[in-house]
C-alpha atoms as a PDB file:
ATOM      1  CA  MET A   1      -3.042  10.193 -12.416  1.00  0.00           C
ATOM      2  CA  THR A   2      -0.997   9.458  -9.345  1.00  0.00           C
ATOM      3  CA  PRO A   3       2.811   9.806  -9.275  1.00  0.00           C
ATOM      4  CA  ALA A   4       3.044   6.052  -8.539  1.00  0.00           C
ATOM      5  CA  LEU A   5       1.015   5.199 -11.653  1.00  0.00           C
ATOM      6  CA  GLN A   6       3.097   7.588 -13.756  1.00  0.00           C
ATOM      7  CA  LYS A   7       6.255   5.860 -12.530  1.00  0.00           C
ATOM      8  CA  LEU A   8       4.804   2.446 -13.466  1.00  0.00           C
ATOM      9  CA  ILE A   9       3.910   3.771 -16.930  1.00  0.00           C
ATOM     10  CA  ASP A  10       7.394   5.239 -17.465  1.00  0.00           C
ATOM     11  CA  CYS A  11       9.167   2.076 -16.283  1.00  0.00           C
ATOM     12  CA  THR A  12       6.889  -0.120 -18.404  1.00  0.00           C
ATOM     13  CA  ALA A  13       7.548   2.014 -21.481  1.00  0.00           C
ATOM     14  CA  ALA A  14      11.295   1.608 -20.909  1.00  0.00           C
ATOM     15  CA  ALA A  15      10.905  -2.177 -20.526  1.00  0.00           C
ATOM     16  CA  ALA A  16       8.643  -2.505 -23.594  1.00  0.00           C
ATOM     17  CA  PRO A  17      10.196  -0.085 -26.091  1.00  0.00           C
ATOM     18  CA  ARG A  18       8.951   0.649 -29.597  1.00  0.00           C
ATOM     19  CA  ASP A  19      11.721  -1.443 -31.161  1.00  0.00           C
ATOM     20  CA  GLY A  20      10.045  -4.556 -29.750  1.00  0.00           C
ATOM     21  CA  ALA A  21      13.007  -5.559 -27.567  1.00  0.00           C
ATOM     22  CA  LEU A  22      10.920  -6.487 -24.526  1.00  0.00           C
ATOM     23  CA  ARG A  23      12.884  -6.768 -21.279  1.00  0.00           C
ATOM     24  CA  PRO A  24      10.812  -9.103 -19.048  1.00  0.00           C
ATOM     25  CA  GLN A  25      12.948  -8.667 -15.921  1.00  0.00           C
ATOM     26  CA  ALA A  26      12.740  -4.875 -16.199  1.00  0.00           C
ATOM     27  CA  LEU A  27       8.976  -5.184 -16.665  1.00  0.00           C
ATOM     28  CA  LEU A  28       8.657  -7.357 -13.551  1.00  0.00           C
ATOM     29  CA  SER A  29      10.830  -4.893 -11.648  1.00  0.00           C
ATOM     30  CA  ALA A  30       8.496  -2.063 -12.698  1.00  0.00           C
ATOM     31  CA  ILE A  31       5.448  -3.941 -11.458  1.00  0.00           C
ATOM     32  CA  ARG A  32       7.101  -5.059  -8.213  1.00  0.00           C
ATOM     33  CA  GLY A  33       8.123  -1.468  -7.553  1.00  0.00           C
ATOM     34  CA  SER A  34       4.493  -0.344  -7.666  1.00  0.00           C
ATOM     35  CA  LEU A  35       2.809  -3.099  -5.645  1.00  0.00           C
ATOM     36  CA  PHE A  36       3.469  -1.590  -2.232  1.00  0.00           C
ATOM     37  CA  ASP A  37       2.546   1.984  -3.163  1.00  0.00           C
ATOM     38  CA  ILE A  38      -0.764   2.724  -1.463  1.00  0.00           C
ATOM     39  CA  ASP A  39      -1.327   5.629  -3.873  1.00  0.00           C
ATOM     40  CA  LEU A  40      -1.027   3.589  -7.080  1.00  0.00           C
ATOM     41  CA  LEU A  41      -4.783   3.193  -7.546  1.00  0.00           C
ATOM     42  CA  ALA A  42      -7.501   5.796  -7.345  1.00  0.00           C
ATOM     43  CA  HIS A  43     -10.641   4.872  -5.410  1.00  0.00           C
ATOM     44  CA  GLU A  44     -12.589   4.087  -8.599  1.00  0.00           C
ATOM     45  CA  HIS A  45      -9.938   1.535  -9.632  1.00  0.00           C
ATOM     46  CA  ARG A  46     -10.555  -0.474  -6.442  1.00  0.00           C
ATOM     47  CA  ARG A  47     -14.254  -1.097  -7.100  1.00  0.00           C
ATOM     48  CA  ALA A  48     -15.483  -4.652  -7.385  1.00  0.00           C
ATOM     49  CA  ASN A  49     -18.483  -6.150  -9.165  1.00  0.00           C
ATOM     50  CA  PRO A  50     -20.373  -8.838  -7.231  1.00  0.00           C
ATOM     51  CA  ASP A  51     -20.983 -10.854 -10.412  1.00  0.00           C
ATOM     52  CA  THR A  52     -17.559 -11.047 -12.042  1.00  0.00           C
ATOM     53  CA  TYR A  53     -13.996  -9.837 -11.689  1.00  0.00           C
ATOM     54  CA  THR A  54     -13.654  -6.222 -12.796  1.00  0.00           C
ATOM     55  CA  ARG A  55     -11.080  -4.792 -15.187  1.00  0.00           C
ATOM     56  CA  HIS A  56     -10.099  -1.146 -14.774  1.00  0.00           C
ATOM     57  CA  LEU A  57      -7.973   0.346 -17.554  1.00  0.00           C
ATOM     58  CA  LEU A  58      -5.254   2.420 -15.871  1.00  0.00           C
ATOM     59  CA  HIS A  59      -3.252   3.356 -18.953  1.00  0.00           C
ATOM     60  CA  ALA A  60      -3.211   2.702 -22.681  1.00  0.00           C
ATOM     61  CA  ASP A  61       0.093   3.363 -24.392  1.00  0.00           C
ATOM     62  CA  PRO A  62      -0.572   5.914 -27.174  1.00  0.00           C
ATOM     63  CA  ASN A  63       1.441   3.770 -29.618  1.00  0.00           C
ATOM     64  CA  GLY A  64      -0.572   0.622 -28.802  1.00  0.00           C
ATOM     65  CA  LEU A  65       2.461  -1.154 -27.302  1.00  0.00           C
ATOM     66  CA  PHE A  66       0.923  -2.050 -23.930  1.00  0.00           C
ATOM     67  CA  SER A  67      -2.012  -1.548 -21.591  1.00  0.00           C
ATOM     68  CA  ILE A  68      -2.011  -1.464 -17.789  1.00  0.00           C
ATOM     69  CA  LEU A  69      -5.061  -2.724 -15.920  1.00  0.00           C
ATOM     70  CA  ALA A  70      -6.107  -3.215 -12.323  1.00  0.00           C
ATOM     71  CA  ILE A  71      -8.304  -6.279 -11.916  1.00  0.00           C
ATOM     72  CA  VAL A  72     -10.463  -6.474  -8.804  1.00  0.00           C
ATOM     73  CA  TRP A  73     -11.505  -9.929  -7.605  1.00  0.00           C
ATOM     74  CA  SER A  74     -14.245 -10.465  -5.041  1.00  0.00           C
ATOM     75  CA  PRO A  75     -14.024 -13.682  -3.014  1.00  0.00           C
ATOM     76  CA  GLY A  76     -14.774 -16.719  -5.168  1.00  0.00           C
ATOM     77  CA  GLN A  77     -14.277 -14.997  -8.525  1.00  0.00           C
ATOM     78  CA  ALA A  78     -12.019 -16.531 -11.175  1.00  0.00           C
ATOM     79  CA  SER A  79     -10.951 -16.082 -14.745  1.00  0.00           C
ATOM     80  CA  PRO A  80     -11.734 -18.768 -17.280  1.00  0.00           C
ATOM     81  CA  VAL A  81      -8.953 -21.206 -18.155  1.00  0.00           C
ATOM     82  CA  HIS A  82      -7.020 -19.342 -20.822  1.00  0.00           C
ATOM     83  CA  ALA A  83      -3.742 -18.698 -22.605  1.00  0.00           C
ATOM     84  CA  HIS A  84      -2.481 -15.347 -23.809  1.00  0.00           C
ATOM     85  CA  HIS A  85      -1.982 -14.246 -27.393  1.00  0.00           C
ATOM     86  CA  THR A  86       0.559 -11.725 -26.096  1.00  0.00           C
ATOM     87  CA  TRP A  87       3.020 -11.283 -23.256  1.00  0.00           C
ATOM     88  CA  CYS A  88       1.644 -10.407 -19.851  1.00  0.00           C
ATOM     89  CA  ALA A  89       3.094  -9.442 -16.484  1.00  0.00           C
ATOM     90  CA  VAL A  90       0.998  -9.641 -13.325  1.00  0.00           C
ATOM     91  CA  GLY A  91       1.544  -8.504  -9.753  1.00  0.00           C
ATOM     92  CA  VAL A  92      -0.664  -8.872  -6.688  1.00  0.00           C
ATOM     93  CA  TYR A  93      -1.475  -5.475  -5.189  1.00  0.00           C
ATOM     94  CA  ALA A  94      -3.955  -6.526  -2.480  1.00  0.00           C
ATOM     95  CA  GLY A  95      -5.198  -9.815  -1.072  1.00  0.00           C
ATOM     96  CA  GLU A  96      -4.234 -13.246  -2.337  1.00  0.00           C
ATOM     97  CA  LEU A  97      -4.787 -14.982  -5.661  1.00  0.00           C
ATOM     98  CA  THR A  98      -4.300 -18.573  -6.748  1.00  0.00           C
ATOM     99  CA  GLU A  99      -2.922 -19.286 -10.205  1.00  0.00           C
ATOM    100  CA  CYS A 100      -3.543 -22.751 -11.604  1.00  0.00           C
ATOM    101  CA  HIS A 101      -1.353 -23.866 -14.495  1.00  0.00           C
ATOM    102  CA  TYR A 102      -2.576 -26.326 -17.127  1.00  0.00           C
ATOM    103  CA  ARG A 103      -1.190 -28.333 -20.000  1.00  0.00           C
ATOM    104  CA  ALA A 104      -2.864 -29.378 -23.197  1.00  0.00           C
ATOM    105  CA  ALA A 105      -1.606 -32.493 -24.909  1.00  0.00           C
ATOM    106  CA  PRO A 106      -2.714 -34.311 -28.034  1.00  0.00           C
ATOM    107  CA  GLY A 107      -5.660 -36.491 -27.149  1.00  0.00           C
ATOM    108  CA  ASP A 108      -6.690 -34.414 -24.124  1.00  0.00           C
ATOM    109  CA  VAL A 109     -10.253 -33.179 -24.418  1.00  0.00           C
ATOM    110  CA  TYR A 110      -9.619 -30.407 -21.875  1.00  0.00           C
ATOM    111  CA  PRO A 111      -6.450 -28.840 -20.478  1.00  0.00           C
ATOM    112  CA  VAL A 112      -5.249 -30.699 -17.382  1.00  0.00           C
ATOM    113  CA  GLU A 113      -4.208 -28.870 -14.203  1.00  0.00           C
ATOM    114  CA  VAL A 114      -0.538 -29.497 -13.410  1.00  0.00           C
ATOM    115  CA  LYS A 115       0.191 -27.118 -10.518  1.00  0.00           C
ATOM    116  CA  SER A 116      -1.248 -24.372  -8.384  1.00  0.00           C
ATOM    117  CA  VAL A 117       0.577 -21.337  -6.979  1.00  0.00           C
ATOM    118  CA  ARG A 118      -0.705 -18.994  -4.273  1.00  0.00           C
ATOM    119  CA  ARG A 119       0.372 -15.413  -4.810  1.00  0.00           C
ATOM    120  CA  GLY A 120       0.206 -12.726  -2.122  1.00  0.00           C
ATOM    121  CA  VAL A 121       0.864  -9.010  -2.091  1.00  0.00           C
ATOM    122  CA  GLY A 122       4.124  -8.240  -3.855  1.00  0.00           C
ATOM    123  CA  ASP A 123       4.269 -11.485  -5.850  1.00  0.00           C
ATOM    124  CA  SER A 124       4.581 -11.175  -9.615  1.00  0.00           C
ATOM    125  CA  CYS A 125       4.959 -13.355 -12.684  1.00  0.00           C
ATOM    126  CA  PHE A 126       5.562 -13.066 -16.424  1.00  0.00           C
ATOM    127  CA  ASP A 127       4.065 -15.037 -19.312  1.00  0.00           C
ATOM    128  CA  ALA A 128       5.663 -14.703 -22.741  1.00  0.00           C
ATOM    129  CA  GLY A 129       2.352 -15.623 -24.370  1.00  0.00           C
ATOM    130  CA  ARG A 130       1.001 -18.429 -26.539  1.00  0.00           C
ATOM    131  CA  ASP A 131       2.145 -21.512 -24.579  1.00  0.00           C
ATOM    132  CA  GLY A 132       1.165 -20.993 -20.942  1.00  0.00           C
ATOM    133  CA  ILE A 133      -2.371 -21.993 -20.001  1.00  0.00           C
ATOM    134  CA  HIS A 134      -3.652 -20.788 -16.640  1.00  0.00           C
ATOM    135  CA  ARG A 135      -6.522 -19.577 -14.513  1.00  0.00           C
ATOM    136  CA  ILE A 136      -6.461 -16.947 -11.773  1.00  0.00           C
ATOM    137  CA  ALA A 137      -8.881 -17.180  -8.856  1.00  0.00           C
ATOM    138  CA  ASN A 138      -9.572 -15.450  -5.567  1.00  0.00           C
ATOM    139  CA  LEU A 139     -10.091 -18.419  -3.257  1.00  0.00           C
ATOM    140  CA  SER A 140      -9.840 -16.273  -0.130  1.00  0.00           C
ATOM    141  CA  ASP A 141     -12.591 -14.505   1.785  1.00  0.00           C
ATOM    142  CA  GLN A 142     -11.072 -11.055   1.116  1.00  0.00           C
ATOM    143  CA  LEU A 143     -11.044  -8.725  -1.888  1.00  0.00           C
ATOM    144  CA  ALA A 144      -7.952  -9.073  -4.107  1.00  0.00           C
ATOM    145  CA  ILE A 145      -6.484  -6.667  -6.659  1.00  0.00           C
ATOM    146  CA  SER A 146      -3.909  -7.482  -9.312  1.00  0.00           C
ATOM    147  CA  ILE A 147      -2.007  -5.239 -11.710  1.00  0.00           C
ATOM    148  CA  HIS A 148      -1.712  -6.580 -15.276  1.00  0.00           C
ATOM    149  CA  VAL A 149       0.456  -5.248 -18.081  1.00  0.00           C
ATOM    150  CA  TYR A 150      -0.432  -6.703 -21.488  1.00  0.00           C
ATOM    151  CA  GLY A 151       1.501  -6.319 -24.726  1.00  0.00           C
ATOM    152  CA  VAL A 152      -1.492  -4.950 -26.654  1.00  0.00           C
ATOM    153  CA  GLY A 153      -3.141  -1.578 -27.073  1.00  0.00           C
ATOM    154  CA  ALA A 154      -6.414  -0.757 -25.337  1.00  0.00           C
ATOM    155  CA  ASP A 155      -8.358  -1.422 -28.543  1.00  0.00           C
ATOM    156  CA  ARG A 156      -7.265  -5.094 -28.412  1.00  0.00           C
ATOM    157  CA  ILE A 157      -7.830  -5.850 -24.725  1.00  0.00           C
ATOM    158  CA  VAL A 158     -10.993  -7.840 -25.391  1.00  0.00           C
ATOM    159  CA  THR A 159      -9.807  -9.706 -28.516  1.00  0.00           C
ATOM    160  CA  GLY A 160      -6.009  -9.691 -28.314  1.00  0.00           C
ATOM    161  CA  ILE A 161      -5.304 -11.049 -24.866  1.00  0.00           C
ATOM    162  CA  ASN A 162      -7.032 -14.325 -24.018  1.00  0.00           C
ATOM    163  CA  ARG A 163      -7.558 -17.600 -25.820  1.00  0.00           C
ATOM    164  CA  VAL A 164     -10.244 -19.204 -23.646  1.00  0.00           C
ATOM    165  CA  TYR A 165     -10.524 -22.974 -23.213  1.00  0.00           C
ATOM    166  CA  ALA A 166     -13.850 -24.735 -22.737  1.00  0.00           C
ATOM    167  CA  MET A 167     -13.839 -26.776 -19.537  1.00  0.00           C
ATOM    168  CA  PRO A 168     -16.246 -29.397 -18.188  1.00  0.00           C
ATOM    169  CA  VAL A 169     -18.913 -28.092 -15.855  1.00  0.00           C
END
């Protein structure tokens, strides 16, 4: 574990304490403080998969309060359109990502895109969970890496984070 990762863990634990009093601005500050540290990620946490974006678990809080992941995006890779069951903070560590925001309204068959935001190194955002629908994509021709902090333990990363929306092909 690098000193930069340990600092991110400590600052995240302070921003997401056991009493449940999440401090979103402190969480974003913790992520922003780590995004320019070249030593945050070990070499194995920078590896991409040519077929899909790659999640690397960096830390799982022993009390199941949060998990920190690095997600590596090759050019052209994207998440599905989804919403979160839990809070999430994201920061761009390398490259550039595009986040598309959607809305779902009664009568809509599929969520409708309402805006798109390009995020470069150092940019971060917070989602309180449940209401925000989005998709993250690497539309550039360079590798991108994002740091994600989710309000679930490592055992719930697959089932407790995303509510995926079916979209037309």
